[in-house]
PDB file of N, CA and C in Angstrom:
ATOM      1  N   MET A   1       0.838  -1.157   0.001  1.00  0.00           N
ATOM      2  CA  MET A   1      -0.035   0.056   0.015  1.00  0.00           C
ATOM      3  C   MET A   1       0.917   1.314  -0.039  1.00  0.00           C
ATOM      4  N   ARG A   2       0.584   2.108  -0.888  1.00  0.00           N
ATOM      5  CA  ARG A   2       1.398   3.440  -1.025  1.00  0.00           C
ATOM      6  C   ARG A   2       0.752   4.472   0.010  1.00  0.00           C
ATOM      7  N   ASP A   3       1.790   5.193   0.530  1.00  0.00           N
ATOM      8  CA  ASP A   3       1.442   6.358   1.563  1.00  0.00           C
ATOM      9  C   ASP A   3       0.659   7.485   0.600  1.00  0.00           C
ATOM     10  N   LYS A   4      -0.105   8.311   1.048  1.00  0.00           N
ATOM     11  CA  LYS A   4      -0.717   9.285   0.253  1.00  0.00           C
ATOM     12  C   LYS A   4      -0.564  10.720   1.140  1.00  0.00           C
ATOM     13  N   SER A   5      -0.739  11.708   0.316  1.00  0.00           N
ATOM     14  CA  SER A   5      -0.947  12.992   1.107  1.00  0.00           C
ATOM     15  C   SER A   5      -1.764  14.066   0.331  1.00  0.00           C
ATOM     16  N   VAL A   6      -2.303  14.795   0.999  1.00  0.00           N
ATOM     17  CA  VAL A   6      -3.191  16.021   0.386  1.00  0.00           C
ATOM     18  C   VAL A   6      -2.870  17.233   1.069  1.00  0.00           C
ATOM     19  N   LYS A   7      -2.696  18.220   0.068  1.00  0.00           N
ATOM     20  CA  LYS A   7      -2.446  19.717   0.441  1.00  0.00           C
ATOM     21  C   LYS A   7      -3.514  20.304   0.483  1.00  0.00           C
ATOM     22  N   GLY A   8      -3.787  20.936   1.692  1.00  0.00           N
ATOM     23  CA  GLY A   8      -4.976  21.925   1.980  1.00  0.00           C
ATOM     24  C   GLY A   8      -4.679  23.089   1.432  1.00  0.00           C
ATOM     25  N   LEU A   9      -5.793  23.739   0.761  1.00  0.00           N
ATOM     26  CA  LEU A   9      -5.785  25.121   0.160  1.00  0.00           C
ATOM     27  C   LEU A   9      -6.644  26.083   0.947  1.00  0.00           C
ATOM     28  N   ARG A  10      -6.223  27.312   0.777  1.00  0.00           N
ATOM     29  CA  ARG A  10      -7.005  28.231   1.649  1.00  0.00           C
ATOM     30  C   ARG A  10      -8.057  28.989   0.632  1.00  0.00           C
ATOM     31  N   TYR A  11      -8.430  28.559  -0.391  1.00  0.00           N
ATOM     32  CA  TYR A  11      -9.484  29.238  -1.243  1.00  0.00           C
ATOM     33  C   TYR A  11     -10.788  29.570  -0.247  1.00  0.00           C
ATOM     34  N   ASN A  12     -11.161  30.829  -0.264  1.00  0.00           N
ATOM     35  CA  ASN A  12     -12.395  31.318   0.303  1.00  0.00           C
ATOM     36  C   ASN A  12     -12.350  31.111   1.906  1.00  0.00           C
ATOM     37  N   LEU A  13     -11.195  31.069   2.466  1.00  0.00           N
ATOM     38  CA  LEU A  13     -11.066  30.998   3.963  1.00  0.00           C
ATOM     39  C   LEU A  13     -10.420  32.352   4.269  1.00  0.00           C
ATOM     40  N   ALA A  14     -10.681  32.755   5.461  1.00  0.00           N
ATOM     41  CA  ALA A  14     -10.086  34.006   6.033  1.00  0.00           C
ATOM     42  C   ALA A  14      -8.783  33.579   6.581  1.00  0.00           C
ATOM     43  N   PRO A  15      -7.736  34.435   6.643  1.00  0.00           N
ATOM     44  CA  PRO A  15      -6.381  34.121   7.074  1.00  0.00           C
ATOM     45  C   PRO A  15      -6.488  33.778   8.582  1.00  0.00           C
ATOM     46  N   ASP A  16      -7.452  34.105   9.391  1.00  0.00           N
ATOM     47  CA  ASP A  16      -7.305  33.716  10.771  1.00  0.00           C
ATOM     48  C   ASP A  16      -8.087  32.432  10.989  1.00  0.00           C
ATOM     49  N   GLN A  17      -8.610  31.621   9.979  1.00  0.00           N
ATOM     50  CA  GLN A  17      -9.313  30.400  10.119  1.00  0.00           C
ATOM     51  C   GLN A  17      -8.231  29.227   9.972  1.00  0.00           C
ATOM     52  N   PRO A  18      -8.238  28.410  10.873  1.00  0.00           N
ATOM     53  CA  PRO A  18      -7.335  27.326  10.967  1.00  0.00           C
ATOM     54  C   PRO A  18      -7.651  26.407   9.806  1.00  0.00           C
ATOM     55  N   ILE A  19      -6.596  25.671   9.128  1.00  0.00           N
ATOM     56  CA  ILE A  19      -6.698  24.836   8.112  1.00  0.00           C
ATOM     57  C   ILE A  19      -5.709  23.627   8.328  1.00  0.00           C
ATOM     58  N   ALA A  20      -6.088  22.472   7.883  1.00  0.00           N
ATOM     59  CA  ALA A  20      -5.048  21.487   7.751  1.00  0.00           C
ATOM     60  C   ALA A  20      -4.216  21.798   6.801  1.00  0.00           C
ATOM     61  N   ASN A  21      -2.750  22.063   6.792  1.00  0.00           N
ATOM     62  CA  ASN A  21      -2.102  22.465   5.699  1.00  0.00           C
ATOM     63  C   ASN A  21      -1.738  21.170   4.973  1.00  0.00           C
ATOM     64  N   ALA A  22      -1.791  20.027   5.442  1.00  0.00           N
ATOM     65  CA  ALA A  22      -1.666  18.823   4.653  1.00  0.00           C
ATOM     66  C   ALA A  22      -2.377  17.744   5.634  1.00  0.00           C
ATOM     67  N   VAL A  23      -2.562  16.586   4.824  1.00  0.00           N
ATOM     68  CA  VAL A  23      -3.109  15.359   5.508  1.00  0.00           C
ATOM     69  C   VAL A  23      -2.348  14.351   4.656  1.00  0.00           C
ATOM     70  N   VAL A  24      -1.638  13.622   5.735  1.00  0.00           N
ATOM     71  CA  VAL A  24      -0.646  12.389   5.095  1.00  0.00           C
ATOM     72  C   VAL A  24      -1.277  11.163   5.710  1.00  0.00           C
ATOM     73  N   GLN A  25      -1.105  10.087   4.821  1.00  0.00           N
ATOM     74  CA  GLN A  25      -1.558   8.761   5.269  1.00  0.00           C
ATOM     75  C   GLN A  25      -0.262   8.014   5.213  1.00  0.00           C
ATOM     76  N   HIS A  26       0.036   7.244   6.385  1.00  0.00           N
ATOM     77  CA  HIS A  26       1.169   6.469   6.498  1.00  0.00           C
ATOM     78  C   HIS A  26       0.931   5.252   7.199  1.00  0.00           C
ATOM     79  N   ARG A  27       1.030   4.177   6.591  1.00  0.00           N
ATOM     80  CA  ARG A  27       0.652   2.798   7.002  1.00  0.00           C
ATOM     81  C   ARG A  27      -0.863   2.684   7.601  1.00  0.00           C
ATOM     82  N   GLY A  28      -1.588   3.299   6.644  1.00  0.00           N
ATOM     83  CA  GLY A  28      -3.173   3.303   6.926  1.00  0.00           C
ATOM     84  C   GLY A  28      -3.685   4.300   7.962  1.00  0.00           C
ATOM     85  N   GLN A  29      -2.772   5.024   8.661  1.00  0.00           N
ATOM     86  CA  GLN A  29      -3.186   6.026   9.457  1.00  0.00           C
ATOM     87  C   GLN A  29      -3.037   7.456   8.916  1.00  0.00           C
ATOM     88  N   SER A  30      -4.144   8.236   9.046  1.00  0.00           N
ATOM     89  CA  SER A  30      -4.107   9.499   8.542  1.00  0.00           C
ATOM     90  C   SER A  30      -3.823  10.565   9.589  1.00  0.00           C
ATOM     91  N   THR A  31      -3.088  11.628   9.321  1.00  0.00           N
ATOM     92  CA  THR A  31      -2.479  12.611  10.359  1.00  0.00           C
ATOM     93  C   THR A  31      -2.587  13.975   9.520  1.00  0.00           C
ATOM     94  N   ALA A  32      -3.355  14.991  10.146  1.00  0.00           N
ATOM     95  CA  ALA A  32      -3.531  16.218   9.843  1.00  0.00           C
ATOM     96  C   ALA A  32      -2.390  17.015  10.260  1.00  0.00           C
ATOM     97  N   LEU A  33      -1.631  17.903   9.401  1.00  0.00           N
ATOM     98  CA  LEU A  33      -0.598  18.695   9.828  1.00  0.00           C
ATOM     99  C   LEU A  33      -1.107  20.215   9.879  1.00  0.00           C
ATOM    100  N   TYR A  34      -0.931  20.782  11.007  1.00  0.00           N
ATOM    101  CA  TYR A  34      -1.445  22.125  11.333  1.00  0.00           C
ATOM    102  C   TYR A  34      -0.205  22.995  11.663  1.00  0.00           C
ATOM    103  N   ILE A  35      -0.235  24.178  11.090  1.00  0.00           N
ATOM    104  CA  ILE A  35       0.756  25.053  11.328  1.00  0.00           C
ATOM    105  C   ILE A  35       0.048  26.433  11.854  1.00  0.00           C
ATOM    106  N   VAL A  36       0.279  26.715  13.194  1.00  0.00           N
ATOM    107  CA  VAL A  36      -0.277  27.995  13.839  1.00  0.00           C
ATOM    108  C   VAL A  36       0.754  29.080  13.673  1.00  0.00           C
ATOM    109  N   PRO A  37       0.219  30.189  13.035  1.00  0.00           N
ATOM    110  CA  PRO A  37       1.229  31.307  12.755  1.00  0.00           C
ATOM    111  C   PRO A  37       1.400  32.162  13.867  1.00  0.00           C
ATOM    112  N   THR A  38       2.575  32.806  13.851  1.00  0.00           N
ATOM    113  CA  THR A  38       2.894  33.726  14.928  1.00  0.00           C
ATOM    114  C   THR A  38       1.858  34.727  14.988  1.00  0.00           C
ATOM    115  N   GLY A  39       1.362  35.106  16.168  1.00  0.00           N
ATOM    116  CA  GLY A  39       0.083  36.110  16.399  1.00  0.00           C
ATOM    117  C   GLY A  39      -1.115  35.521  16.453  1.00  0.00           C
ATOM    118  N   ALA A  40      -1.300  34.198  16.337  1.00  0.00           N
ATOM    119  CA  ALA A  40      -2.564  33.519  16.275  1.00  0.00           C
ATOM    120  C   ALA A  40      -3.235  33.866  17.620  1.00  0.00           C
ATOM    121  N   ASP A  41      -4.543  34.218  17.748  1.00  0.00           N
ATOM    122  CA  ASP A  41      -5.179  34.441  18.969  1.00  0.00           C
ATOM    123  C   ASP A  41      -5.862  33.233  19.717  1.00  0.00           C
ATOM    124  N   ASP A  42      -6.522  33.572  20.697  1.00  0.00           N
ATOM    125  CA  ASP A  42      -7.338  32.539  21.425  1.00  0.00           C
ATOM    126  C   ASP A  42      -8.447  31.923  20.457  1.00  0.00           C
ATOM    127  N   LYS A  43      -9.006  32.888  19.826  1.00  0.00           N
ATOM    128  CA  LYS A  43     -10.173  32.200  18.851  1.00  0.00           C
ATOM    129  C   LYS A  43      -9.572  31.208  17.903  1.00  0.00           C
ATOM    130  N   PHE A  44      -8.522  31.432  17.354  1.00  0.00           N
ATOM    131  CA  PHE A  44      -7.701  30.573  16.499  1.00  0.00           C
ATOM    132  C   PHE A  44      -7.446  29.299  17.130  1.00  0.00           C
ATOM    133  N   GLU A  45      -6.820  29.376  18.261  1.00  0.00           N
ATOM    134  CA  GLU A  45      -6.507  28.267  19.025  1.00  0.00           C
ATOM    135  C   GLU A  45      -7.793  27.376  19.402  1.00  0.00           C
ATOM    136  N   LEU A  46      -8.874  28.037  19.883  1.00  0.00           N
ATOM    137  CA  LEU A  46     -10.090  27.337  20.206  1.00  0.00           C
ATOM    138  C   LEU A  46     -10.642  26.676  19.085  1.00  0.00           C
ATOM    139  N   THR A  47     -10.644  27.324  17.760  1.00  0.00           N
ATOM    140  CA  THR A  47     -11.320  26.596  16.601  1.00  0.00           C
ATOM    141  C   THR A  47     -10.384  25.408  16.201  1.00  0.00           C
ATOM    142  N   LEU A  48      -9.151  25.821  16.228  1.00  0.00           N
ATOM    143  CA  LEU A  48      -8.287  24.496  15.908  1.00  0.00           C
ATOM    144  C   LEU A  48      -8.388  23.301  16.947  1.00  0.00           C
ATOM    145  N   LYS A  49      -8.594  23.561  18.093  1.00  0.00           N
ATOM    146  CA  LYS A  49      -8.784  22.382  19.017  1.00  0.00           C
ATOM    147  C   LYS A  49     -10.210  21.765  18.711  1.00  0.00           C
ATOM    148  N   ASP A  50     -11.223  22.506  18.446  1.00  0.00           N
ATOM    149  CA  ASP A  50     -12.475  22.066  18.046  1.00  0.00           C
ATOM    150  C   ASP A  50     -12.357  21.123  16.797  1.00  0.00           C
ATOM    151  N   MET A  51     -11.492  21.673  15.870  1.00  0.00           N
ATOM    152  CA  MET A  51     -11.315  20.901  14.541  1.00  0.00           C
ATOM    153  C   MET A  51     -10.772  19.604  14.794  1.00  0.00           C
ATOM    154  N   ILE A  52      -9.675  19.509  15.682  1.00  0.00           N
ATOM    155  CA  ILE A  52      -9.008  18.294  15.951  1.00  0.00           C
ATOM    156  C   ILE A  52      -9.968  17.325  16.812  1.00  0.00           C
ATOM    157  N   LEU A  53     -10.789  17.811  17.629  1.00  0.00           N
ATOM    158  CA  LEU A  53     -11.731  17.001  18.559  1.00  0.00           C
ATOM    159  C   LEU A  53     -12.699  16.356  17.722  1.00  0.00           C
ATOM    160  N   THR A  54     -13.225  17.121  16.773  1.00  0.00           N
ATOM    161  CA  THR A  54     -14.410  16.541  15.992  1.00  0.00           C
ATOM    162  C   THR A  54     -14.056  15.375  14.971  1.00  0.00           C
ATOM    163  N   ARG A  55     -12.665  15.093  14.901  1.00  0.00           N
ATOM    164  CA  ARG A  55     -12.263  14.026  14.055  1.00  0.00           C
ATOM    165  C   ARG A  55     -11.193  13.255  14.735  1.00  0.00           C
ATOM    166  N   PRO A  56     -11.481  12.485  15.635  1.00  0.00           N
ATOM    167  CA  PRO A  56     -10.671  11.672  16.429  1.00  0.00           C
ATOM    168  C   PRO A  56      -9.956  10.651  15.744  1.00  0.00           C
ATOM    169  N   GLU A  57     -10.489  10.181  14.654  1.00  0.00           N
ATOM    170  CA  GLU A  57      -9.978   9.254  13.836  1.00  0.00           C
ATOM    171  C   GLU A  57      -8.718   9.634  12.947  1.00  0.00           C
ATOM    172  N   ILE A  58      -8.604  10.938  12.943  1.00  0.00           N
ATOM    173  CA  ILE A  58      -7.480  11.503  12.239  1.00  0.00           C
ATOM    174  C   ILE A  58      -6.370  11.976  13.257  1.00  0.00           C
ATOM    175  N   GLY A  59      -5.186  11.622  13.313  1.00  0.00           N
ATOM    176  CA  GLY A  59      -4.086  12.028  14.128  1.00  0.00           C
ATOM    177  C   GLY A  59      -3.864  13.750  13.890  1.00  0.00           C
ATOM    178  N   ALA A  60      -3.348  14.398  14.751  1.00  0.00           N
ATOM    179  CA  ALA A  60      -2.974  15.639  14.599  1.00  0.00           C
ATOM    180  C   ALA A  60      -1.467  16.034  15.016  1.00  0.00           C
ATOM    181  N   TRP A  61      -0.930  16.690  13.995  1.00  0.00           N
ATOM    182  CA  TRP A  61       0.440  17.261  14.476  1.00  0.00           C
ATOM    183  C   TRP A  61       0.412  18.688  14.227  1.00  0.00           C
ATOM    184  N   VAL A  62       0.955  19.406  15.218  1.00  0.00           N
ATOM    185  CA  VAL A  62       0.729  21.051  15.379  1.00  0.00           C
ATOM    186  C   VAL A  62       2.019  21.682  15.541  1.00  0.00           C
ATOM    187  N   TRP A  63       2.475  22.491  14.815  1.00  0.00           N
ATOM    188  CA  TRP A  63       3.588  23.362  14.747  1.00  0.00           C
ATOM    189  C   TRP A  63       3.163  24.747  15.160  1.00  0.00           C
ATOM    190  N   ARG A  64       3.523  25.261  16.320  1.00  0.00           N
ATOM    191  CA  ARG A  64       3.221  26.643  16.759  1.00  0.00           C
ATOM    192  C   ARG A  64       4.465  27.339  16.468  1.00  0.00           C
ATOM    193  N   VAL A  65       4.546  28.141  15.404  1.00  0.00           N
ATOM    194  CA  VAL A  65       5.594  28.708  14.807  1.00  0.00           C
ATOM    195  C   VAL A  65       6.392  29.753  15.932  1.00  0.00           C
ATOM    196  N   SER A  66       5.605  30.285  16.697  1.00  0.00           N
ATOM    197  CA  SER A  66       6.002  31.257  17.789  1.00  0.00           C
ATOM    198  C   SER A  66       6.805  30.478  18.913  1.00  0.00           C
ATOM    199  N   GLU A  67       6.728  29.257  18.911  1.00  0.00           N
ATOM    200  CA  GLU A  67       7.253  28.428  19.895  1.00  0.00           C
ATOM    201  C   GLU A  67       8.661  27.841  19.312  1.00  0.00           C
ATOM    202  N   GLY A  68       9.088  28.144  18.425  1.00  0.00           N
ATOM    203  CA  GLY A  68      10.427  27.783  17.853  1.00  0.00           C
ATOM    204  C   GLY A  68      10.314  26.892  16.564  1.00  0.00           C
ATOM    205  N   GLU A  69      11.367  26.036  16.599  1.00  0.00           N
ATOM    206  CA  GLU A  69      11.718  25.215  15.506  1.00  0.00           C
ATOM    207  C   GLU A  69      10.541  24.144  15.327  1.00  0.00           C
ATOM    208  N   MET A  70      10.388  23.630  14.061  1.00  0.00           N
ATOM    209  CA  MET A  70       9.427  22.732  13.667  1.00  0.00           C
ATOM    210  C   MET A  70       9.592  21.287  14.646  1.00  0.00           C
ATOM    211  N   PRO A  71       8.572  20.885  15.143  1.00  0.00           N
ATOM    212  CA  PRO A  71       8.608  19.702  15.858  1.00  0.00           C
ATOM    213  C   PRO A  71       8.775  18.595  15.022  1.00  0.00           C
ATOM    214  N   PRO A  72       9.442  17.355  15.480  1.00  0.00           N
ATOM    215  CA  PRO A  72       9.580  16.182  14.632  1.00  0.00           C
ATOM    216  C   PRO A  72       8.252  15.679  14.176  1.00  0.00           C
ATOM    217  N   LEU A  73       8.081  15.190  12.946  1.00  0.00           N
ATOM    218  CA  LEU A  73       7.001  14.651  12.491  1.00  0.00           C
ATOM    219  C   LEU A  73       6.921  13.123  13.176  1.00  0.00           C
ATOM    220  N   ARG A  74       5.592  12.811  13.652  1.00  0.00           N
ATOM    221  CA  ARG A  74       5.488  11.524  14.228  1.00  0.00           C
ATOM    222  C   ARG A  74       4.267  11.003  13.683  1.00  0.00           C
ATOM    223  N   LEU A  75       4.353  10.232  12.441  1.00  0.00           N
ATOM    224  CA  LEU A  75       3.273   9.879  11.844  1.00  0.00           C
ATOM    225  C   LEU A  75       2.920   8.360  12.257  1.00  0.00           C
TER     226      LEU A  75
END
């Protein structure tokens, strides 16, 4: 089985709306990759948390840019 990935696009979304920047599938498990930009507010974080909680079957990897270097990808 081949691993897959899908790149999220921001068409018609406000810049302050979280988006899965990519979804990768590795060994049958899907993981959404989220990048939280510097300056993201509490509303952004709450919306992101809700997005992650509503899809428990999809893993989540989050990089908060303001916290430093990109964390390791654990797929």
